[in-house]
Every structure is written in structure tokens, then in C-alpha cells.
C-alpha atoms as a PDB file:
ATOM      1  CA  MET A   1      44.587   6.774  34.571  1.00  0.00           C
ATOM      2  CA  SER A   2      46.956   4.115  35.850  1.00  0.00           C
ATOM      3  CA  ALA A   3      47.147   0.543  34.616  1.00  0.00           C
ATOM      4  CA  GLN A   4      45.501  -2.309  36.459  1.00  0.00           C
ATOM      5  CA  VAL A   5      47.388  -5.336  37.747  1.00  0.00           C
ATOM      6  CA  LEU A   6      45.881  -8.774  38.318  1.00  0.00           C
ATOM      7  CA  LEU A   7      47.336 -11.016  41.019  1.00  0.00           C
ATOM      8  CA  VAL A   8      46.233 -14.613  41.505  1.00  0.00           C
ATOM      9  CA  TYR A   9      47.103 -16.293  44.787  1.00  0.00           C
ATOM     10  CA  ARG A  10      46.655 -19.866  45.951  1.00  0.00           C
ATOM     11  CA  VAL A  11      45.711 -19.658  49.614  1.00  0.00           C
ATOM     12  CA  MET A  12      45.893 -22.861  51.633  1.00  0.00           C
ATOM     13  CA  PRO A  13      43.872 -23.061  54.848  1.00  0.00           C
ATOM     14  CA  GLU A  14      45.641 -24.098  58.057  1.00  0.00           C
ATOM     15  CA  SER A  15      43.601 -27.291  58.267  1.00  0.00           C
ATOM     16  CA  VAL A  16      40.683 -29.149  56.700  1.00  0.00           C
ATOM     17  CA  GLU A  17      38.524 -27.878  59.578  1.00  0.00           C
ATOM     18  CA  THR A  18      39.040 -24.228  58.552  1.00  0.00           C
ATOM     19  CA  SER A  19      35.780 -22.708  57.291  1.00  0.00           C
ATOM     20  CA  LEU A  20      36.312 -21.748  53.652  1.00  0.00           C
ATOM     21  CA  GLU A  21      33.333 -19.368  53.688  1.00  0.00           C
ATOM     22  CA  GLY A  22      34.721 -17.672  56.793  1.00  0.00           C
ATOM     23  CA  LEU A  23      38.140 -17.476  55.173  1.00  0.00           C
ATOM     24  CA  LYS A  24      36.647 -15.923  52.021  1.00  0.00           C
ATOM     25  CA  ASN A  25      34.869 -13.282  54.094  1.00  0.00           C
ATOM     26  CA  ASP A  26      38.030 -12.544  56.090  1.00  0.00           C
ATOM     27  CA  ILE A  27      40.072 -12.172  52.879  1.00  0.00           C
ATOM     28  CA  ARG A  28      37.576  -9.696  51.412  1.00  0.00           C
ATOM     29  CA  GLY A  29      37.385  -7.805  54.685  1.00  0.00           C
ATOM     30  CA  LYS A  30      41.159  -7.538  54.992  1.00  0.00           C
ATOM     31  CA  LEU A  31      41.950  -6.507  51.395  1.00  0.00           C
ATOM     32  CA  GLU A  32      39.023  -4.292  50.415  1.00  0.00           C
ATOM     33  CA  PRO A  33      38.551  -1.423  49.682  1.00  0.00           C
ATOM     34  CA  LYS A  34      42.252  -0.721  48.961  1.00  0.00           C
ATOM     35  CA  TYR A  35      42.552  -3.863  46.831  1.00  0.00           C
ATOM     36  CA  ARG A  36      39.651  -5.274  44.799  1.00  0.00           C
ATOM     37  CA  VAL A  37      38.936  -8.977  45.257  1.00  0.00           C
ATOM     38  CA  ALA A  38      37.583  -9.829  41.802  1.00  0.00           C
ATOM     39  CA  LYS A  39      36.658 -13.397  42.739  1.00  0.00           C
ATOM     40  CA  ILE A  40      37.576 -16.345  44.925  1.00  0.00           C
ATOM     41  CA  ASP A  41      37.381 -19.884  43.565  1.00  0.00           C
ATOM     42  CA  GLU A  42      37.704 -23.163  45.439  1.00  0.00           C
ATOM     43  CA  GLU A  43      40.301 -25.616  44.134  1.00  0.00           C
ATOM     44  CA  PRO A  44      40.157 -29.193  45.492  1.00  0.00           C
ATOM     45  CA  ILE A  45      43.677 -30.443  46.209  1.00  0.00           C
ATOM     46  CA  GLY A  46      43.011 -33.903  47.630  1.00  0.00           C
ATOM     47  CA  PHE A  47      42.584 -35.703  50.954  1.00  0.00           C
ATOM     48  CA  GLY A  48      39.787 -33.289  51.876  1.00  0.00           C
ATOM     49  CA  ILE A  49      41.975 -30.219  51.400  1.00  0.00           C
ATOM     50  CA  THR A  50      40.628 -27.325  49.339  1.00  0.00           C
ATOM     51  CA  ALA A  51      42.693 -24.288  48.400  1.00  0.00           C
ATOM     52  CA  LEU A  52      41.294 -20.884  47.537  1.00  0.00           C
ATOM     53  CA  LYS A  53      42.275 -19.097  44.320  1.00  0.00           C
ATOM     54  CA  VAL A  54      42.087 -15.405  45.143  1.00  0.00           C
ATOM     55  CA  TYR A  55      41.971 -12.962  42.220  1.00  0.00           C
ATOM     56  CA  VAL A  56      43.062  -9.494  43.307  1.00  0.00           C
ATOM     57  CA  GLN A  57      42.916  -6.434  41.074  1.00  0.00           C
ATOM     58  CA  MET A  58      44.827  -3.288  41.967  1.00  0.00           C
ATOM     59  CA  GLU A  59      45.955  -0.051  40.407  1.00  0.00           C
ATOM     60  CA  GLU A  60      49.602   0.114  39.400  1.00  0.00           C
ATOM     61  CA  ARG A  61      50.751   2.796  41.848  1.00  0.00           C
ATOM     62  CA  GLU A  62      53.659   3.332  44.206  1.00  0.00           C
ATOM     63  CA  ASP A  63      51.473   2.914  47.285  1.00  0.00           C
ATOM     64  CA  ARG A  64      50.166  -0.525  46.126  1.00  0.00           C
ATOM     65  CA  SER A  65      52.217  -3.705  46.050  1.00  0.00           C
ATOM     66  CA  SER A  66      51.938  -7.473  45.870  1.00  0.00           C
ATOM     67  CA  ASP A  67      54.120  -7.630  48.996  1.00  0.00           C
ATOM     68  CA  GLU A  68      51.479  -5.744  50.958  1.00  0.00           C
ATOM     69  CA  VAL A  69      48.735  -8.044  49.637  1.00  0.00           C
ATOM     70  CA  GLU A  70      50.758 -11.075  50.773  1.00  0.00           C
ATOM     71  CA  GLU A  71      51.344  -9.562  54.216  1.00  0.00           C
ATOM     72  CA  LEU A  72      47.629  -8.885  54.595  1.00  0.00           C
ATOM     73  CA  LEU A  73      46.741 -12.441  53.512  1.00  0.00           C
ATOM     74  CA  ARG A  74      49.303 -13.962  55.919  1.00  0.00           C
ATOM     75  CA  SER A  75      47.838 -11.941  58.795  1.00  0.00           C
ATOM     76  CA  ILE A  76      44.448 -13.650  58.454  1.00  0.00           C
ATOM     77  CA  ASN A  77      43.650 -16.288  61.052  1.00  0.00           C
ATOM     78  CA  GLY A  78      43.204 -19.659  59.348  1.00  0.00           C
ATOM     79  CA  VAL A  79      45.566 -19.023  56.423  1.00  0.00           C
ATOM     80  CA  GLY A  80      48.294 -21.649  56.194  1.00  0.00           C
ATOM     81  CA  ASN A  81      50.331 -21.025  53.050  1.00  0.00           C
ATOM     82  CA  ILE A  82      50.213 -18.470  50.230  1.00  0.00           C
ATOM     83  CA  GLU A  83      51.618 -18.742  46.731  1.00  0.00           C
ATOM     84  CA  LEU A  84      51.518 -16.073  44.020  1.00  0.00           C
ATOM     85  CA  GLU A  85      50.569 -18.033  40.896  1.00  0.00           C
ATOM     86  CA  TYR A  86      49.986 -15.267  38.362  1.00  0.00           C
ATOM     87  CA  PHE A  87      50.864 -11.601  37.992  1.00  0.00           C
ATOM     88  CA  SER A  88      49.905  -9.533  34.952  1.00  0.00           C
ATOM     89  CA  ARG A  89      49.297  -6.003  33.859  1.00  0.00           C
ATOM     90  CA  VAL A  90      45.796  -5.810  32.384  1.00  0.00           C
ATOM     91  CA  GLY A  91      45.589  -2.205  31.189  1.00  0.00           C
ATOM     92  CA  PHE A  92      47.647   0.698  29.925  1.00  0.00           C
END
């Protein structure tokens, strides 16, 4: 059995008018089932802007990569900026 990797991204919406619930659904729809979205938290930034903290769990395999996750996130309509905040191996 391969190890699991946890990735935590900060996803900024394009604007304050972007529906966070819609964005959450689009993120899950784009990443799953290949990548597991463990949870998505809302993080208030200020001036009405709220970022999403997206926790992604994946198997450590050659056909899985954080680069692919980032490409998938960037391809979602309504996503402004993405930042990988945390990357850790969680199993052996």
C-alpha cells in the first residue's frame, strides 16, 4: 500500500461576487474521484474577501502529482489565485 500525501491549498476567488458554495462544488467535481477532497474551509481575508482552504489527500504514486492538482484548480471558472500552503506525507 502506498503512502498518502496531504496538500493544503489557499484558493482565492476571482471576485467577492464569486459564489463560494458554487466554487466548493466545482472544486470537488473537478478533483474527485482521482484526488480526495478531505475538506474545504472558508478563511476570511478582509474587505469582504474570503479564501478557501482546500485539503486534498492523494496516494503517493507516479501518476499523481501536486502539479496536476494545481492545473485542475486553475482550470475552474471563478478561481483567481492558488497557493500551496502545506505538503506532507501522512502514511508509510
